[in-house]
Amino acid sequence: MTTPAGQPGDDEWMKNSALYREFLAEREEIMKHKWIESEKARQDIGFERALTDWIVKHRAKWRKGRHA
């Protein structure tokens, strides 16, 4: 039996998904990068700039380290 939409347990499959957990971990790293780079710049650099910068500079190494 399935739970009605919007009820507890409705998105339980998503929370248990390896893909979703990977997304959350990556987002956390991007937010850390955003904070560090914003501190260096002495202003908020914004999520899009942090995302792009993190992907270019750190994503490949981060992924390799996670799956080693």
N, C-alpha and C. Protein backbone atom coordinates (compact mmCIF):
# COMPACT_ATOMS: atom_id res chain seq x y z
N MET A 1 0.85 -1.18 0.00
CA MET A 1 0.00 0.00 0.00
C MET A 1 0.89 1.24 0.00
N THR A 2 0.52 2.22 -0.77
CA THR A 2 1.29 3.46 -0.83
C THR A 2 0.65 4.50 0.07
N THR A 3 1.45 5.48 0.47
CA THR A 3 0.92 6.56 1.29
C THR A 3 0.41 7.66 0.39
N PRO A 4 -0.66 8.34 0.79
CA PRO A 4 -1.17 9.45 -0.02
C PRO A 4 -0.11 10.54 -0.17
N ALA A 5 -0.13 11.23 -1.29
CA ALA A 5 0.83 12.31 -1.54
C ALA A 5 0.80 13.32 -0.40
N GLY A 6 1.98 13.76 0.02
CA GLY A 6 2.08 14.75 1.07
C GLY A 6 2.09 14.17 2.47
N GLN A 7 1.93 12.87 2.58
CA GLN A 7 1.93 12.22 3.88
C GLN A 7 3.35 11.78 4.25
N PRO A 8 3.63 11.63 5.55
CA PRO A 8 4.95 11.14 5.96
C PRO A 8 5.26 9.83 5.25
N GLY A 9 6.50 9.69 4.80
CA GLY A 9 6.91 8.49 4.10
C GLY A 9 6.79 8.61 2.59
N ASP A 10 6.14 9.65 2.12
CA ASP A 10 5.91 9.85 0.70
C ASP A 10 7.22 9.95 -0.07
N ASP A 11 8.21 10.61 0.49
CA ASP A 11 9.49 10.78 -0.20
C ASP A 11 10.59 9.98 0.46
N GLU A 12 10.24 8.95 1.19
CA GLU A 12 11.22 8.11 1.89
C GLU A 12 12.19 7.47 0.90
N TRP A 13 11.71 7.06 -0.25
CA TRP A 13 12.58 6.45 -1.27
C TRP A 13 13.68 7.41 -1.69
N MET A 14 13.33 8.72 -1.77
CA MET A 14 14.30 9.72 -2.20
C MET A 14 15.39 9.90 -1.14
N LYS A 15 15.00 9.96 0.12
CA LYS A 15 15.96 10.15 1.19
C LYS A 15 16.93 8.98 1.29
N ASN A 16 16.51 7.81 0.89
CA ASN A 16 17.35 6.63 0.93
C ASN A 16 18.15 6.42 -0.36
N SER A 17 17.91 7.26 -1.33
CA SER A 17 18.58 7.14 -2.62
C SER A 17 20.05 7.57 -2.52
N ALA A 18 20.94 6.76 -3.08
CA ALA A 18 22.36 7.09 -3.10
C ALA A 18 22.59 8.37 -3.91
N LEU A 19 21.83 8.54 -4.97
CA LEU A 19 21.96 9.74 -5.80
C LEU A 19 21.60 11.00 -5.02
N TYR A 20 20.53 10.92 -4.23
CA TYR A 20 20.11 12.06 -3.42
C TYR A 20 21.14 12.37 -2.33
N ARG A 21 21.67 11.35 -1.69
CA ARG A 21 22.70 11.56 -0.66
C ARG A 21 23.95 12.18 -1.27
N GLU A 22 24.30 11.77 -2.48
CA GLU A 22 25.45 12.35 -3.18
C GLU A 22 25.19 13.83 -3.49
N PHE A 23 23.97 14.14 -3.91
CA PHE A 23 23.58 15.52 -4.17
C PHE A 23 23.72 16.37 -2.91
N LEU A 24 23.23 15.86 -1.79
CA LEU A 24 23.31 16.61 -0.53
C LEU A 24 24.75 16.84 -0.11
N ALA A 25 25.60 15.84 -0.26
CA ALA A 25 27.01 15.98 0.10
C ALA A 25 27.69 17.02 -0.80
N GLU A 26 27.38 16.98 -2.08
CA GLU A 26 27.97 17.94 -3.01
C GLU A 26 27.49 19.35 -2.71
N ARG A 27 26.21 19.49 -2.44
CA ARG A 27 25.67 20.81 -2.10
C ARG A 27 26.33 21.37 -0.84
N GLU A 28 26.59 20.52 0.13
CA GLU A 28 27.26 20.96 1.35
C GLU A 28 28.67 21.48 1.04
N GLU A 29 29.38 20.80 0.18
CA GLU A 29 30.72 21.24 -0.21
C GLU A 29 30.66 22.58 -0.95
N ILE A 30 29.68 22.75 -1.79
CA ILE A 30 29.52 24.01 -2.53
C ILE A 30 29.23 25.15 -1.55
N MET A 31 28.38 24.89 -0.57
CA MET A 31 28.06 25.92 0.42
C MET A 31 29.28 26.29 1.26
N LYS A 32 30.11 25.31 1.60
CA LYS A 32 31.37 25.61 2.32
C LYS A 32 32.26 26.48 1.45
N HIS A 33 32.37 26.11 0.17
CA HIS A 33 33.19 26.87 -0.76
C HIS A 33 32.67 28.30 -0.90
N LYS A 34 31.36 28.43 -0.97
CA LYS A 34 30.73 29.76 -1.06
C LYS A 34 31.10 30.60 0.15
N TRP A 35 31.04 30.01 1.32
CA TRP A 35 31.37 30.75 2.54
C TRP A 35 32.84 31.18 2.54
N ILE A 36 33.74 30.25 2.22
CA ILE A 36 35.18 30.56 2.20
C ILE A 36 35.49 31.66 1.19
N GLU A 37 34.98 31.51 -0.02
CA GLU A 37 35.27 32.50 -1.06
C GLU A 37 34.60 33.85 -0.77
N SER A 38 33.44 33.82 -0.16
CA SER A 38 32.78 35.08 0.23
C SER A 38 33.58 35.80 1.31
N GLU A 39 34.13 35.03 2.24
CA GLU A 39 34.98 35.64 3.28
C GLU A 39 36.22 36.28 2.65
N LYS A 40 36.82 35.59 1.71
CA LYS A 40 38.00 36.13 1.03
C LYS A 40 37.65 37.42 0.28
N ALA A 41 36.50 37.43 -0.37
CA ALA A 41 36.07 38.58 -1.16
C ALA A 41 35.44 39.69 -0.31
N ARG A 42 35.20 39.38 0.96
CA ARG A 42 34.54 40.30 1.88
C ARG A 42 33.15 40.72 1.41
N GLN A 43 32.54 39.83 0.66
CA GLN A 43 31.15 40.02 0.23
C GLN A 43 30.62 38.68 -0.25
N ASP A 44 29.31 38.54 -0.25
CA ASP A 44 28.68 37.31 -0.70
C ASP A 44 28.90 37.16 -2.21
N ILE A 45 29.52 36.07 -2.61
CA ILE A 45 29.78 35.86 -4.04
C ILE A 45 28.60 35.23 -4.76
N GLY A 46 27.62 34.76 -4.01
CA GLY A 46 26.43 34.16 -4.61
C GLY A 46 26.62 32.69 -4.91
N PHE A 47 25.50 31.98 -4.94
CA PHE A 47 25.55 30.53 -5.13
C PHE A 47 26.05 30.15 -6.52
N GLU A 48 25.57 30.83 -7.54
CA GLU A 48 25.94 30.45 -8.91
C GLU A 48 27.44 30.57 -9.14
N ARG A 49 28.03 31.65 -8.68
CA ARG A 49 29.48 31.83 -8.83
C ARG A 49 30.24 30.78 -8.03
N ALA A 50 29.78 30.50 -6.81
CA ALA A 50 30.42 29.48 -5.98
C ALA A 50 30.30 28.11 -6.62
N LEU A 51 29.14 27.80 -7.14
CA LEU A 51 28.91 26.52 -7.81
C LEU A 51 29.86 26.35 -8.99
N THR A 52 29.89 27.33 -9.86
CA THR A 52 30.74 27.27 -11.05
C THR A 52 32.21 27.14 -10.66
N ASP A 53 32.65 27.95 -9.72
CA ASP A 53 34.04 27.93 -9.28
C ASP A 53 34.39 26.58 -8.67
N TRP A 54 33.51 26.04 -7.84
CA TRP A 54 33.75 24.76 -7.18
C TRP A 54 33.82 23.62 -8.21
N ILE A 55 32.91 23.65 -9.19
CA ILE A 55 32.92 22.61 -10.21
C ILE A 55 34.23 22.63 -10.99
N VAL A 56 34.66 23.81 -11.39
CA VAL A 56 35.88 23.94 -12.19
C VAL A 56 37.12 23.55 -11.38
N LYS A 57 37.18 23.99 -10.12
CA LYS A 57 38.40 23.82 -9.33
C LYS A 57 38.45 22.58 -8.45
N HIS A 58 37.31 22.07 -8.01
CA HIS A 58 37.35 21.05 -6.96
C HIS A 58 36.53 19.79 -7.19
N ARG A 59 35.54 19.83 -8.05
CA ARG A 59 34.59 18.71 -8.16
C ARG A 59 35.24 17.37 -8.51
N ALA A 60 36.09 17.37 -9.52
CA ALA A 60 36.70 16.11 -9.96
C ALA A 60 37.49 15.45 -8.83
N LYS A 61 38.30 16.23 -8.15
CA LYS A 61 39.11 15.69 -7.05
C LYS A 61 38.21 15.23 -5.90
N TRP A 62 37.18 16.01 -5.60
CA TRP A 62 36.26 15.65 -4.52
C TRP A 62 35.57 14.33 -4.82
N ARG A 63 35.08 14.18 -6.04
CA ARG A 63 34.41 12.94 -6.44
C ARG A 63 35.36 11.76 -6.39
N LYS A 64 36.56 11.96 -6.90
CA LYS A 64 37.56 10.87 -6.89
C LYS A 64 37.84 10.43 -5.47
N GLY A 65 37.97 11.39 -4.56
CA GLY A 65 38.22 11.07 -3.15
C GLY A 65 37.06 10.35 -2.49
N ARG A 66 35.85 10.69 -2.87
CA ARG A 66 34.66 10.04 -2.29
C ARG A 66 34.51 8.62 -2.76
N HIS A 67 34.93 8.34 -3.96
CA HIS A 67 34.71 7.01 -4.53
C HIS A 67 35.97 6.15 -4.56
N ALA A 68 36.97 6.59 -3.83
CA ALA A 68 38.23 5.83 -3.79
C ALA A 68 38.10 4.59 -2.92
